[in-house]
PDB file of N, CA and C in Angstrom:
ATOM      1  N   MET A   1     -26.938  -4.805   7.099  1.00  0.00           N
ATOM      2  CA  MET A   1     -25.567  -4.997   6.666  1.00  0.00           C
ATOM      3  C   MET A   1     -25.560  -5.851   5.401  1.00  0.00           C
ATOM      4  N   LYS A   2     -24.798  -5.425   4.440  1.00  0.00           N
ATOM      5  CA  LYS A   2     -24.722  -6.108   3.150  1.00  0.00           C
ATOM      6  C   LYS A   2     -23.768  -7.286   3.227  1.00  0.00           C
ATOM      7  N   ASP A   3     -24.186  -8.437   2.693  1.00  0.00           N
ATOM      8  CA  ASP A   3     -23.303  -9.596   2.618  1.00  0.00           C
ATOM      9  C   ASP A   3     -22.314  -9.388   1.476  1.00  0.00           C
ATOM     10  N   VAL A   4     -21.054  -9.682   1.739  1.00  0.00           N
ATOM     11  CA  VAL A   4     -19.997  -9.520   0.750  1.00  0.00           C
ATOM     12  C   VAL A   4     -19.352 -10.881   0.543  1.00  0.00           C
ATOM     13  N   SER A   5     -19.261 -11.291  -0.719  1.00  0.00           N
ATOM     14  CA  SER A   5     -18.693 -12.609  -1.018  1.00  0.00           C
ATOM     15  C   SER A   5     -17.170 -12.553  -1.001  1.00  0.00           C
ATOM     16  N   ASN A   6     -16.572 -13.711  -0.856  1.00  0.00           N
ATOM     17  CA  ASN A   6     -15.110 -13.812  -0.921  1.00  0.00           C
ATOM     18  C   ASN A   6     -14.595 -13.336  -2.276  1.00  0.00           C
ATOM     19  N   GLN A   7     -15.362 -13.603  -3.324  1.00  0.00           N
ATOM     20  CA  GLN A   7     -14.968 -13.170  -4.665  1.00  0.00           C
ATOM     21  C   GLN A   7     -14.951 -11.644  -4.758  1.00  0.00           C
ATOM     22  N   GLN A   8     -15.943 -10.980  -4.172  1.00  0.00           N
ATOM     23  CA  GLN A   8     -15.961  -9.512  -4.173  1.00  0.00           C
ATOM     24  C   GLN A   8     -14.759  -8.946  -3.416  1.00  0.00           C
ATOM     25  N   ILE A   9     -14.422  -9.557  -2.301  1.00  0.00           N
ATOM     26  CA  ILE A   9     -13.267  -9.112  -1.527  1.00  0.00           C
ATOM     27  C   ILE A   9     -11.984  -9.295  -2.343  1.00  0.00           C
ATOM     28  N   ALA A  10     -11.839 -10.466  -2.975  1.00  0.00           N
ATOM     29  CA  ALA A  10     -10.650 -10.740  -3.784  1.00  0.00           C
ATOM     30  C   ALA A  10     -10.529  -9.752  -4.938  1.00  0.00           C
ATOM     31  N   GLU A  11     -11.642  -9.454  -5.612  1.00  0.00           N
ATOM     32  CA  GLU A  11     -11.617  -8.504  -6.727  1.00  0.00           C
ATOM     33  C   GLU A  11     -11.255  -7.099  -6.238  1.00  0.00           C
ATOM     34  N   HIS A  12     -11.779  -6.716  -5.088  1.00  0.00           N
ATOM     35  CA  HIS A  12     -11.482  -5.406  -4.514  1.00  0.00           C
ATOM     36  C   HIS A  12      -9.993  -5.305  -4.174  1.00  0.00           C
ATOM     37  N   LEU A  13      -9.439  -6.332  -3.568  1.00  0.00           N
ATOM     38  CA  LEU A  13      -8.010  -6.325  -3.227  1.00  0.00           C
ATOM     39  C   LEU A  13      -7.136  -6.273  -4.474  1.00  0.00           C
ATOM     40  N   LYS A  14      -7.537  -6.957  -5.534  1.00  0.00           N
ATOM     41  CA  LYS A  14      -6.776  -6.901  -6.789  1.00  0.00           C
ATOM     42  C   LYS A  14      -6.787  -5.496  -7.378  1.00  0.00           C
ATOM     43  N   ARG A  15      -7.926  -4.782  -7.259  1.00  0.00           N
ATOM     44  CA  ARG A  15      -7.999  -3.403  -7.752  1.00  0.00           C
ATOM     45  C   ARG A  15      -7.073  -2.483  -6.951  1.00  0.00           C
ATOM     46  N   LEU A  16      -6.969  -2.709  -5.654  1.00  0.00           N
ATOM     47  CA  LEU A  16      -6.122  -1.878  -4.805  1.00  0.00           C
ATOM     48  C   LEU A  16      -4.641  -2.219  -4.934  1.00  0.00           C
ATOM     49  N   ASN A  17      -4.331  -3.456  -5.267  1.00  0.00           N
ATOM     50  CA  ASN A  17      -2.955  -3.958  -5.305  1.00  0.00           C
ATOM     51  C   ASN A  17      -2.580  -4.363  -6.732  1.00  0.00           C
ATOM     52  N   THR A  18      -2.561  -3.400  -7.633  1.00  0.00           N
ATOM     53  CA  THR A  18      -2.328  -3.688  -9.051  1.00  0.00           C
ATOM     54  C   THR A  18      -0.977  -4.340  -9.317  1.00  0.00           C
ATOM     55  N   TRP A  19       0.004  -4.103  -8.456  1.00  0.00           N
ATOM     56  CA  TRP A  19       1.345  -4.687  -8.639  1.00  0.00           C
ATOM     57  C   TRP A  19       1.318  -6.201  -8.495  1.00  0.00           C
ATOM     58  N   TRP A  20       0.275  -6.770  -7.885  1.00  0.00           N
ATOM     59  CA  TRP A  20       0.186  -8.236  -7.810  1.00  0.00           C
ATOM     60  C   TRP A  20       0.134  -8.825  -9.212  1.00  0.00           C
ATOM     61  N   GLU A  21      -0.509  -8.132 -10.142  1.00  0.00           N
ATOM     62  CA  GLU A  21      -0.650  -8.619 -11.510  1.00  0.00           C
ATOM     63  C   GLU A  21       0.468  -8.113 -12.420  1.00  0.00           C
ATOM     64  N   ASP A  22       0.715  -6.785 -12.396  1.00  0.00           N
ATOM     65  CA  ASP A  22       1.666  -6.225 -13.363  1.00  0.00           C
ATOM     66  C   ASP A  22       3.069  -6.021 -12.805  1.00  0.00           C
ATOM     67  N   GLY A  23       3.232  -6.154 -11.493  1.00  0.00           N
ATOM     68  CA  GLY A  23       4.545  -6.058 -10.878  1.00  0.00           C
ATOM     69  C   GLY A  23       5.089  -4.659 -10.693  1.00  0.00           C
ATOM     70  N   GLY A  24       4.361  -3.637 -11.163  1.00  0.00           N
ATOM     71  CA  GLY A  24       4.867  -2.268 -11.076  1.00  0.00           C
ATOM     72  C   GLY A  24       4.120  -1.407 -10.079  1.00  0.00           C
ATOM     73  N   ALA A  25       4.744  -0.308  -9.722  1.00  0.00           N
ATOM     74  CA  ALA A  25       4.129   0.658  -8.812  1.00  0.00           C
ATOM     75  C   ALA A  25       3.236   1.605  -9.611  1.00  0.00           C
ATOM     76  N   ASP A  26       2.377   2.309  -8.915  1.00  0.00           N
ATOM     77  CA  ASP A  26       1.468   3.282  -9.507  1.00  0.00           C
ATOM     78  C   ASP A  26       2.269   4.443 -10.096  1.00  0.00           C
ATOM     79  N   GLU A  27       2.332   4.544 -11.428  1.00  0.00           N
ATOM     80  CA  GLU A  27       3.173   5.542 -12.090  1.00  0.00           C
ATOM     81  C   GLU A  27       2.727   6.968 -11.800  1.00  0.00           C
ATOM     82  N   ALA A  28       1.427   7.216 -11.719  1.00  0.00           N
ATOM     83  CA  ALA A  28       0.936   8.573 -11.460  1.00  0.00           C
ATOM     84  C   ALA A  28       1.406   9.062 -10.096  1.00  0.00           C
ATOM     85  N   THR A  29       1.324   8.196  -9.090  1.00  0.00           N
ATOM     86  CA  THR A  29       1.764   8.588  -7.754  1.00  0.00           C
ATOM     87  C   THR A  29       3.282   8.696  -7.703  1.00  0.00           C
ATOM     88  N   GLN A  30       3.983   7.805  -8.379  1.00  0.00           N
ATOM     89  CA  GLN A  30       5.444   7.837  -8.355  1.00  0.00           C
ATOM     90  C   GLN A  30       5.986   9.125  -8.976  1.00  0.00           C
ATOM     91  N   ALA A  31       5.196   9.766  -9.842  1.00  0.00           N
ATOM     92  CA  ALA A  31       5.620  11.018 -10.453  1.00  0.00           C
ATOM     93  C   ALA A  31       5.553  12.188  -9.467  1.00  0.00           C
ATOM     94  N   LEU A  32       4.819  12.037  -8.375  1.00  0.00           N
ATOM     95  CA  LEU A  32       4.717  13.091  -7.359  1.00  0.00           C
ATOM     96  C   LEU A  32       5.985  13.130  -6.509  1.00  0.00           C
ATOM     97  N   ARG A  33       6.246  14.286  -5.922  1.00  0.00           N
ATOM     98  CA  ARG A  33       7.418  14.456  -5.059  1.00  0.00           C
ATOM     99  C   ARG A  33       7.250  13.590  -3.810  1.00  0.00           C
ATOM    100  N   PRO A  34       8.247  12.753  -3.489  1.00  0.00           N
ATOM    101  CA  PRO A  34       8.151  11.931  -2.272  1.00  0.00           C
ATOM    102  C   PRO A  34       8.115  12.796  -1.017  1.00  0.00           C
ATOM    103  N   ARG A  35       7.411  12.338  -0.013  1.00  0.00           N
ATOM    104  CA  ARG A  35       7.323  13.046   1.261  1.00  0.00           C
ATOM    105  C   ARG A  35       8.660  12.944   2.002  1.00  0.00           C
ATOM    106  N   ALA A  36       8.964  13.932   2.826  1.00  0.00           N
ATOM    107  CA  ALA A  36      10.232  13.995   3.543  1.00  0.00           C
ATOM    108  C   ALA A  36      10.438  12.805   4.476  1.00  0.00           C
ATOM    109  N   TYR A  37       9.363  12.235   4.964  1.00  0.00           N
ATOM    110  CA  TYR A  37       9.457  11.144   5.930  1.00  0.00           C
ATOM    111  C   TYR A  37       9.416   9.766   5.270  1.00  0.00           C
ATOM    112  N   LEU A  38       9.534   9.719   3.946  1.00  0.00           N
ATOM    113  CA  LEU A  38       9.496   8.440   3.236  1.00  0.00           C
ATOM    114  C   LEU A  38      10.597   7.496   3.713  1.00  0.00           C
ATOM    115  N   GLU A  39      11.833   7.966   3.773  1.00  0.00           N
ATOM    116  CA  GLU A  39      12.949   7.081   4.137  1.00  0.00           C
ATOM    117  C   GLU A  39      12.861   6.551   5.568  1.00  0.00           C
ATOM    118  N   PRO A  40      12.567   7.381   6.576  1.00  0.00           N
ATOM    119  CA  PRO A  40      12.432   6.815   7.930  1.00  0.00           C
ATOM    120  C   PRO A  40      11.333   5.759   8.024  1.00  0.00           C
ATOM    121  N   VAL A  41      10.237   5.979   7.349  1.00  0.00           N
ATOM    122  CA  VAL A  41       9.148   4.994   7.387  1.00  0.00           C
ATOM    123  C   VAL A  41       9.560   3.729   6.636  1.00  0.00           C
ATOM    124  N   ARG A  42      10.248   3.891   5.508  1.00  0.00           N
ATOM    125  CA  ARG A  42      10.724   2.717   4.753  1.00  0.00           C
ATOM    126  C   ARG A  42      11.676   1.876   5.598  1.00  0.00           C
ATOM    127  N   ARG A  43      12.598   2.544   6.306  1.00  0.00           N
ATOM    128  CA  ARG A  43      13.533   1.808   7.169  1.00  0.00           C
ATOM    129  C   ARG A  43      12.781   1.049   8.262  1.00  0.00           C
ATOM    130  N   LEU A  44      11.766   1.666   8.823  1.00  0.00           N
ATOM    131  CA  LEU A  44      10.951   0.996   9.836  1.00  0.00           C
ATOM    132  C   LEU A  44      10.302  -0.255   9.255  1.00  0.00           C
ATOM    133  N   LEU A  45       9.709  -0.122   8.086  1.00  0.00           N
ATOM    134  CA  LEU A  45       9.028  -1.263   7.471  1.00  0.00           C
ATOM    135  C   LEU A  45       9.984  -2.398   7.125  1.00  0.00           C
ATOM    136  N   GLN A  46      11.214  -2.064   6.779  1.00  0.00           N
ATOM    137  CA  GLN A  46      12.163  -3.095   6.375  1.00  0.00           C
ATOM    138  C   GLN A  46      13.043  -3.576   7.522  1.00  0.00           C
ATOM    139  N   ASP A  47      12.755  -3.137   8.731  1.00  0.00           N
ATOM    140  CA  ASP A  47      13.486  -3.600   9.908  1.00  0.00           C
ATOM    141  C   ASP A  47      13.175  -5.085  10.124  1.00  0.00           C
ATOM    142  N   PRO A  48      14.183  -5.956  10.052  1.00  0.00           N
ATOM    143  CA  PRO A  48      13.923  -7.392  10.192  1.00  0.00           C
ATOM    144  C   PRO A  48      13.404  -7.778  11.580  1.00  0.00           C
ATOM    145  N   ASN A  49      13.571  -6.909  12.563  1.00  0.00           N
ATOM    146  CA  ASN A  49      13.073  -7.206  13.912  1.00  0.00           C
ATOM    147  C   ASN A  49      11.602  -6.858  14.086  1.00  0.00           C
ATOM    148  N   LEU A  50      11.006  -6.167  13.116  1.00  0.00           N
ATOM    149  CA  LEU A  50       9.602  -5.800  13.192  1.00  0.00           C
ATOM    150  C   LEU A  50       8.757  -7.028  12.882  1.00  0.00           C
ATOM    151  N   ARG A  51       7.970  -7.465  13.825  1.00  0.00           N
ATOM    152  CA  ARG A  51       7.164  -8.685  13.669  1.00  0.00           C
ATOM    153  C   ARG A  51       5.685  -8.396  13.899  1.00  0.00           C
ATOM    154  N   ARG A  52       5.210  -7.289  13.305  1.00  0.00           N
ATOM    155  CA  ARG A  52       3.802  -6.942  13.451  1.00  0.00           C
ATOM    156  C   ARG A  52       3.390  -6.062  12.275  1.00  0.00           C
ATOM    157  N   ALA A  53       2.099  -5.866  12.168  1.00  0.00           N
ATOM    158  CA  ALA A  53       1.577  -4.993  11.119  1.00  0.00           C
ATOM    159  C   ALA A  53       1.881  -3.537  11.465  1.00  0.00           C
ATOM    160  N   VAL A  54       2.041  -2.748  10.443  1.00  0.00           N
ATOM    161  CA  VAL A  54       2.221  -1.307  10.623  1.00  0.00           C
ATOM    162  C   VAL A  54       0.957  -0.642  10.096  1.00  0.00           C
ATOM    163  N   VAL A  55       0.346   0.188  10.922  1.00  0.00           N
ATOM    164  CA  VAL A  55      -0.883   0.882  10.560  1.00  0.00           C
ATOM    165  C   VAL A  55      -0.586   2.369  10.501  1.00  0.00           C
ATOM    166  N   LEU A  56      -0.997   2.996   9.424  1.00  0.00           N
ATOM    167  CA  LEU A  56      -0.784   4.424   9.251  1.00  0.00           C
ATOM    168  C   LEU A  56      -2.113   5.144   9.451  1.00  0.00           C
ATOM    169  N   LEU A  57      -2.172   5.993  10.454  1.00  0.00           N
ATOM    170  CA  LEU A  57      -3.383   6.745  10.764  1.00  0.00           C
ATOM    171  C   LEU A  57      -3.115   8.229  10.607  1.00  0.00           C
ATOM    172  N   GLY A  58      -4.141   8.989  10.288  1.00  0.00           N
ATOM    173  CA  GLY A  58      -3.992  10.433  10.199  1.00  0.00           C
ATOM    174  C   GLY A  58      -5.248  11.072   9.662  1.00  0.00           C
ATOM    175  N   SER A  59      -5.267  12.373   9.716  1.00  0.00           N
ATOM    176  CA  SER A  59      -6.407  13.137   9.204  1.00  0.00           C
ATOM    177  C   SER A  59      -6.570  12.922   7.715  1.00  0.00           C
ATOM    178  N   ARG A  60      -7.721  13.286   7.211  1.00  0.00           N
ATOM    179  CA  ARG A  60      -7.981  13.180   5.779  1.00  0.00           C
ATOM    180  C   ARG A  60      -7.116  14.174   5.016  1.00  0.00           C
ATOM    181  N   ARG A  61      -6.670  13.765   3.815  1.00  0.00           N
ATOM    182  CA  ARG A  61      -5.983  14.631   2.859  1.00  0.00           C
ATOM    183  C   ARG A  61      -4.637  15.179   3.348  1.00  0.00           C
ATOM    184  N   VAL A  62      -3.932  14.388   4.166  1.00  0.00           N
ATOM    185  CA  VAL A  62      -2.603  14.827   4.609  1.00  0.00           C
ATOM    186  C   VAL A  62      -1.475  14.109   3.868  1.00  0.00           C
ATOM    187  N   GLY A  63      -1.814  13.143   3.002  1.00  0.00           N
ATOM    188  CA  GLY A  63      -0.807  12.469   2.198  1.00  0.00           C
ATOM    189  C   GLY A  63      -0.521  11.027   2.580  1.00  0.00           C
ATOM    190  N   LYS A  64      -1.406  10.400   3.347  1.00  0.00           N
ATOM    191  CA  LYS A  64      -1.174   9.004   3.766  1.00  0.00           C
ATOM    192  C   LYS A  64      -1.106   8.068   2.561  1.00  0.00           C
ATOM    193  N   THR A  65      -2.037   8.198   1.639  1.00  0.00           N
ATOM    194  CA  THR A  65      -2.066   7.301   0.484  1.00  0.00           C
ATOM    195  C   THR A  65      -0.858   7.525  -0.410  1.00  0.00           C
ATOM    196  N   VAL A  66      -0.475   8.774  -0.608  1.00  0.00           N
ATOM    197  CA  VAL A  66       0.717   9.060  -1.429  1.00  0.00           C
ATOM    198  C   VAL A  66       1.950   8.443  -0.771  1.00  0.00           C
ATOM    199  N   LEU A  67       2.077   8.599   0.546  1.00  0.00           N
ATOM    200  CA  LEU A  67       3.204   7.991   1.261  1.00  0.00           C
ATOM    201  C   LEU A  67       3.198   6.481   1.083  1.00  0.00           C
ATOM    202  N   ILE A  68       2.061   5.866   1.256  1.00  0.00           N
ATOM    203  CA  ILE A  68       1.971   4.409   1.118  1.00  0.00           C
ATOM    204  C   ILE A  68       2.336   3.973  -0.296  1.00  0.00           C
ATOM    205  N   ARG A  69       1.840   4.677  -1.288  1.00  0.00           N
ATOM    206  CA  ARG A  69       2.147   4.301  -2.678  1.00  0.00           C
ATOM    207  C   ARG A  69       3.635   4.509  -2.996  1.00  0.00           C
ATOM    208  N   HIS A  70       4.248   5.552  -2.434  1.00  0.00           N
ATOM    209  CA  HIS A  70       5.701   5.710  -2.597  1.00  0.00           C
ATOM    210  C   HIS A  70       6.455   4.592  -1.890  1.00  0.00           C
ATOM    211  N   LEU A  71       5.986   4.202  -0.723  1.00  0.00           N
ATOM    212  CA  LEU A  71       6.612   3.080  -0.014  1.00  0.00           C
ATOM    213  C   LEU A  71       6.508   1.793  -0.819  1.00  0.00           C
ATOM    214  N   ILE A  72       5.366   1.563  -1.407  1.00  0.00           N
ATOM    215  CA  ILE A  72       5.181   0.362  -2.227  1.00  0.00           C
ATOM    216  C   ILE A  72       6.165   0.378  -3.394  1.00  0.00           C
ATOM    217  N   GLY A  73       6.309   1.529  -4.058  1.00  0.00           N
ATOM    218  CA  GLY A  73       7.269   1.643  -5.153  1.00  0.00           C
ATOM    219  C   GLY A  73       8.691   1.373  -4.688  1.00  0.00           C
ATOM    220  N   ALA A  74       9.051   1.917  -3.512  1.00  0.00           N
ATOM    221  CA  ALA A  74      10.401   1.702  -2.973  1.00  0.00           C
ATOM    222  C   ALA A  74      10.615   0.231  -2.613  1.00  0.00           C
ATOM    223  N   LEU A  75       9.618  -0.390  -2.031  1.00  0.00           N
ATOM    224  CA  LEU A  75       9.736  -1.806  -1.669  1.00  0.00           C
ATOM    225  C   LEU A  75       9.880  -2.679  -2.909  1.00  0.00           C
ATOM    226  N   LEU A  76       9.081  -2.409  -3.934  1.00  0.00           N
ATOM    227  CA  LEU A  76       9.184  -3.174  -5.174  1.00  0.00           C
ATOM    228  C   LEU A  76      10.558  -2.977  -5.810  1.00  0.00           C
ATOM    229  N   ALA A  77      11.042  -1.722  -5.831  1.00  0.00           N
ATOM    230  CA  ALA A  77      12.347  -1.424  -6.427  1.00  0.00           C
ATOM    231  C   ALA A  77      13.491  -2.079  -5.663  1.00  0.00           C
ATOM    232  N   SER A  78      13.297  -2.300  -4.357  1.00  0.00           N
ATOM    233  CA  SER A  78      14.363  -2.906  -3.556  1.00  0.00           C
ATOM    234  C   SER A  78      14.333  -4.435  -3.605  1.00  0.00           C
ATOM    235  N   GLY A  79      13.373  -4.992  -4.346  1.00  0.00           N
ATOM    236  CA  GLY A  79      13.346  -6.439  -4.522  1.00  0.00           C
ATOM    237  C   GLY A  79      12.379  -7.193  -3.628  1.00  0.00           C
ATOM    238  N   VAL A  80      11.562  -6.490  -2.849  1.00  0.00           N
ATOM    239  CA  VAL A  80      10.557  -7.178  -2.037  1.00  0.00           C
ATOM    240  C   VAL A  80       9.565  -7.827  -2.992  1.00  0.00           C
ATOM    241  N   PRO A  81       9.283  -9.119  -2.837  1.00  0.00           N
ATOM    242  CA  PRO A  81       8.330  -9.784  -3.736  1.00  0.00           C
ATOM    243  C   PRO A  81       6.966  -9.096  -3.710  1.00  0.00           C
ATOM    244  N   ARG A  82       6.412  -8.878  -4.897  1.00  0.00           N
ATOM    245  CA  ARG A  82       5.156  -8.115  -5.005  1.00  0.00           C
ATOM    246  C   ARG A  82       4.011  -8.755  -4.232  1.00  0.00           C
ATOM    247  N   GLN A  83       4.014 -10.063  -4.104  1.00  0.00           N
ATOM    248  CA  GLN A  83       2.936 -10.724  -3.372  1.00  0.00           C
ATOM    249  C   GLN A  83       3.075 -10.565  -1.855  1.00  0.00           C
ATOM    250  N   ASN A  84       4.207 -10.018  -1.400  1.00  0.00           N
ATOM    251  CA  ASN A  84       4.408  -9.761   0.032  1.00  0.00           C
ATOM    252  C   ASN A  84       3.944  -8.370   0.446  1.00  0.00           C
ATOM    253  N   ILE A  85       3.419  -7.592  -0.508  1.00  0.00           N
ATOM    254  CA  ILE A  85       2.980  -6.232  -0.234  1.00  0.00           C
ATOM    255  C   ILE A  85       1.474  -6.159  -0.443  1.00  0.00           C
ATOM    256  N   ALA A  86       0.756  -5.758   0.603  1.00  0.00           N
ATOM    257  CA  ALA A  86      -0.708  -5.643   0.499  1.00  0.00           C
ATOM    258  C   ALA A  86      -1.152  -4.284   1.009  1.00  0.00           C
ATOM    259  N   TYR A  87      -2.019  -3.643   0.237  1.00  0.00           N
ATOM    260  CA  TYR A  87      -2.598  -2.352   0.609  1.00  0.00           C
ATOM    261  C   TYR A  87      -4.092  -2.574   0.804  1.00  0.00           C
ATOM    262  N   VAL A  88      -4.601  -2.123   1.937  1.00  0.00           N
ATOM    263  CA  VAL A  88      -6.025  -2.271   2.254  1.00  0.00           C
ATOM    264  C   VAL A  88      -6.551  -0.938   2.743  1.00  0.00           C
ATOM    265  N   GLU A  89      -7.646  -0.476   2.169  1.00  0.00           N
ATOM    266  CA  GLU A  89      -8.319   0.731   2.638  1.00  0.00           C
ATOM    267  C   GLU A  89      -9.415   0.303   3.594  1.00  0.00           C
ATOM    268  N   MET A  90      -9.420   0.899   4.759  1.00  0.00           N
ATOM    269  CA  MET A  90     -10.411   0.523   5.775  1.00  0.00           C
ATOM    270  C   MET A  90     -11.681   1.362   5.696  1.00  0.00           C
ATOM    271  N   ASP A  91     -11.656   2.436   4.920  1.00  0.00           N
ATOM    272  CA  ASP A  91     -12.840   3.300   4.840  1.00  0.00           C
ATOM    273  C   ASP A  91     -13.523   3.224   3.482  1.00  0.00           C
ATOM    274  N   HIS A  92     -13.143   2.265   2.669  1.00  0.00           N
ATOM    275  CA  HIS A  92     -13.672   2.158   1.314  1.00  0.00           C
ATOM    276  C   HIS A  92     -14.674   1.010   1.249  1.00  0.00           C
ATOM    277  N   PRO A  93     -15.953   1.316   1.065  1.00  0.00           N
ATOM    278  CA  PRO A  93     -16.944   0.237   1.005  1.00  0.00           C
ATOM    279  C   PRO A  93     -16.814  -0.570  -0.290  1.00  0.00           C
ATOM    280  N   LEU A  94     -17.117  -1.814  -0.200  1.00  0.00           N
ATOM    281  CA  LEU A  94     -17.114  -2.649  -1.406  1.00  0.00           C
ATOM    282  C   LEU A  94     -18.345  -2.314  -2.226  1.00  0.00           C
ATOM    283  N   PRO A  95     -18.235  -2.475  -3.561  1.00  0.00           N
ATOM    284  CA  PRO A  95     -19.389  -2.177  -4.434  1.00  0.00           C
ATOM    285  C   PRO A  95     -20.540  -3.124  -4.193  1.00  0.00           C
TER     286      PRO A  95
END
Protein backbone atom coordinates (compact mmCIF):
# COMPACT_ATOMS: atom_id res chain seq x y z
CA MET A 1 0.00 0.00 0.00
CA LYS A 2 1.33 3.40 -0.99
CA ASP A 3 1.70 6.08 1.68
CA VAL A 4 -0.15 9.27 0.77
CA SER A 5 0.74 12.56 2.42
CA ASN A 6 -1.77 15.10 3.69
CA GLN A 7 -0.41 17.50 1.07
CA GLN A 8 -1.17 15.02 -1.74
CA ILE A 9 -4.71 14.59 -0.43
CA ALA A 10 -5.20 18.37 -0.19
CA GLU A 11 -3.90 18.90 -3.74
CA HIS A 12 -6.16 16.13 -5.06
CA LEU A 13 -9.22 17.65 -3.37
CA LYS A 14 -8.38 21.08 -4.81
CA ARG A 15 -8.24 19.55 -8.31
CA LEU A 16 -11.66 17.95 -7.81
CA ASN A 17 -13.24 21.03 -6.18
CA THR A 18 -12.13 23.87 -8.46
CA TRP A 19 -14.93 26.16 -7.18
CA TRP A 20 -13.06 26.41 -3.85
CA GLU A 21 -10.56 28.65 -5.65
CA ASP A 22 -12.47 30.27 -8.53
CA GLY A 23 -16.00 30.15 -7.10
CA GLY A 24 -17.56 28.87 -10.33
CA ALA A 25 -19.07 25.63 -11.53
CA ASP A 26 -17.56 23.44 -14.25
CA GLU A 27 -18.60 25.26 -17.46
CA ALA A 28 -18.18 22.24 -19.75
CA THR A 29 -20.55 20.14 -17.64
CA GLN A 30 -22.98 23.03 -17.13
CA ALA A 31 -23.34 23.23 -20.92
CA LEU A 32 -24.78 19.68 -20.97
CA ARG A 33 -28.52 19.08 -20.65
CA PRO A 34 -29.46 18.65 -16.96
CA ARG A 35 -30.81 15.25 -15.95
CA ALA A 36 -34.56 14.96 -15.29
CA TYR A 37 -33.97 14.07 -11.64
CA LEU A 38 -31.78 17.11 -10.91
CA GLU A 39 -34.49 19.07 -9.07
CA PRO A 40 -35.71 16.26 -6.77
CA VAL A 41 -32.13 15.49 -5.76
CA ARG A 42 -31.37 19.20 -5.25
CA ARG A 43 -34.41 19.56 -2.98
CA LEU A 44 -33.24 16.55 -0.98
CA LEU A 45 -29.77 18.02 -0.55
CA GLN A 46 -31.13 21.39 0.55
CA ASP A 47 -33.63 19.93 3.02
CA PRO A 48 -32.72 21.60 6.34
CA ASN A 49 -33.80 18.45 8.21
CA LEU A 50 -31.18 16.33 6.44
CA ARG A 51 -28.36 15.80 8.94
CA ARG A 52 -26.18 13.25 7.18
CA ALA A 53 -24.03 12.74 4.13
CA VAL A 54 -25.68 11.89 0.84
CA VAL A 55 -23.94 9.20 -1.19
CA LEU A 56 -24.72 8.65 -4.85
CA LEU A 57 -24.16 5.11 -6.08
CA GLY A 58 -24.77 3.57 -9.48
CA SER A 59 -23.35 1.71 -12.42
CA ARG A 60 -20.52 3.14 -14.47
CA ARG A 61 -21.34 5.71 -17.18
CA VAL A 62 -24.95 6.39 -16.16
CA GLY A 63 -24.44 10.11 -15.45
CA LYS A 64 -23.59 10.28 -11.73
CA THR A 65 -20.74 12.75 -12.20
CA VAL A 66 -22.77 14.95 -14.56
CA LEU A 67 -25.62 15.00 -12.02
CA ILE A 68 -23.24 15.90 -9.21
CA ARG A 69 -21.61 18.68 -11.23
CA HIS A 70 -25.04 20.09 -12.14
CA LEU A 71 -25.99 19.95 -8.47
CA ILE A 72 -22.82 21.81 -7.54
CA GLY A 73 -23.65 24.51 -10.11
CA ALA A 74 -27.20 24.80 -8.75
CA LEU A 75 -25.97 25.00 -5.16
CA LEU A 76 -23.42 27.68 -6.02
CA ALA A 77 -26.05 29.65 -7.98
CA SER A 78 -28.45 29.47 -5.03
CA GLY A 79 -25.89 31.05 -2.70
CA VAL A 80 -24.49 28.01 -0.87
CA PRO A 81 -20.95 29.00 0.20
CA ARG A 82 -18.42 27.32 -2.08
CA GLN A 83 -16.40 26.00 0.85
CA ASN A 84 -19.51 24.09 2.05
CA ILE A 85 -19.52 21.95 -1.11
CA ALA A 86 -17.09 19.04 -1.41
CA TYR A 87 -16.82 16.46 -4.18
CA VAL A 88 -14.82 13.29 -3.54
CA GLU A 89 -14.24 10.41 -5.94
CA MET A 90 -13.90 7.11 -4.15
CA ASP A 91 -12.53 5.16 -7.11
CA HIS A 92 -9.82 7.60 -8.19
CA PRO A 93 -6.33 6.72 -6.97
CA LEU A 94 -4.03 9.52 -5.94
CA PRO A 95 -0.97 10.09 -8.16
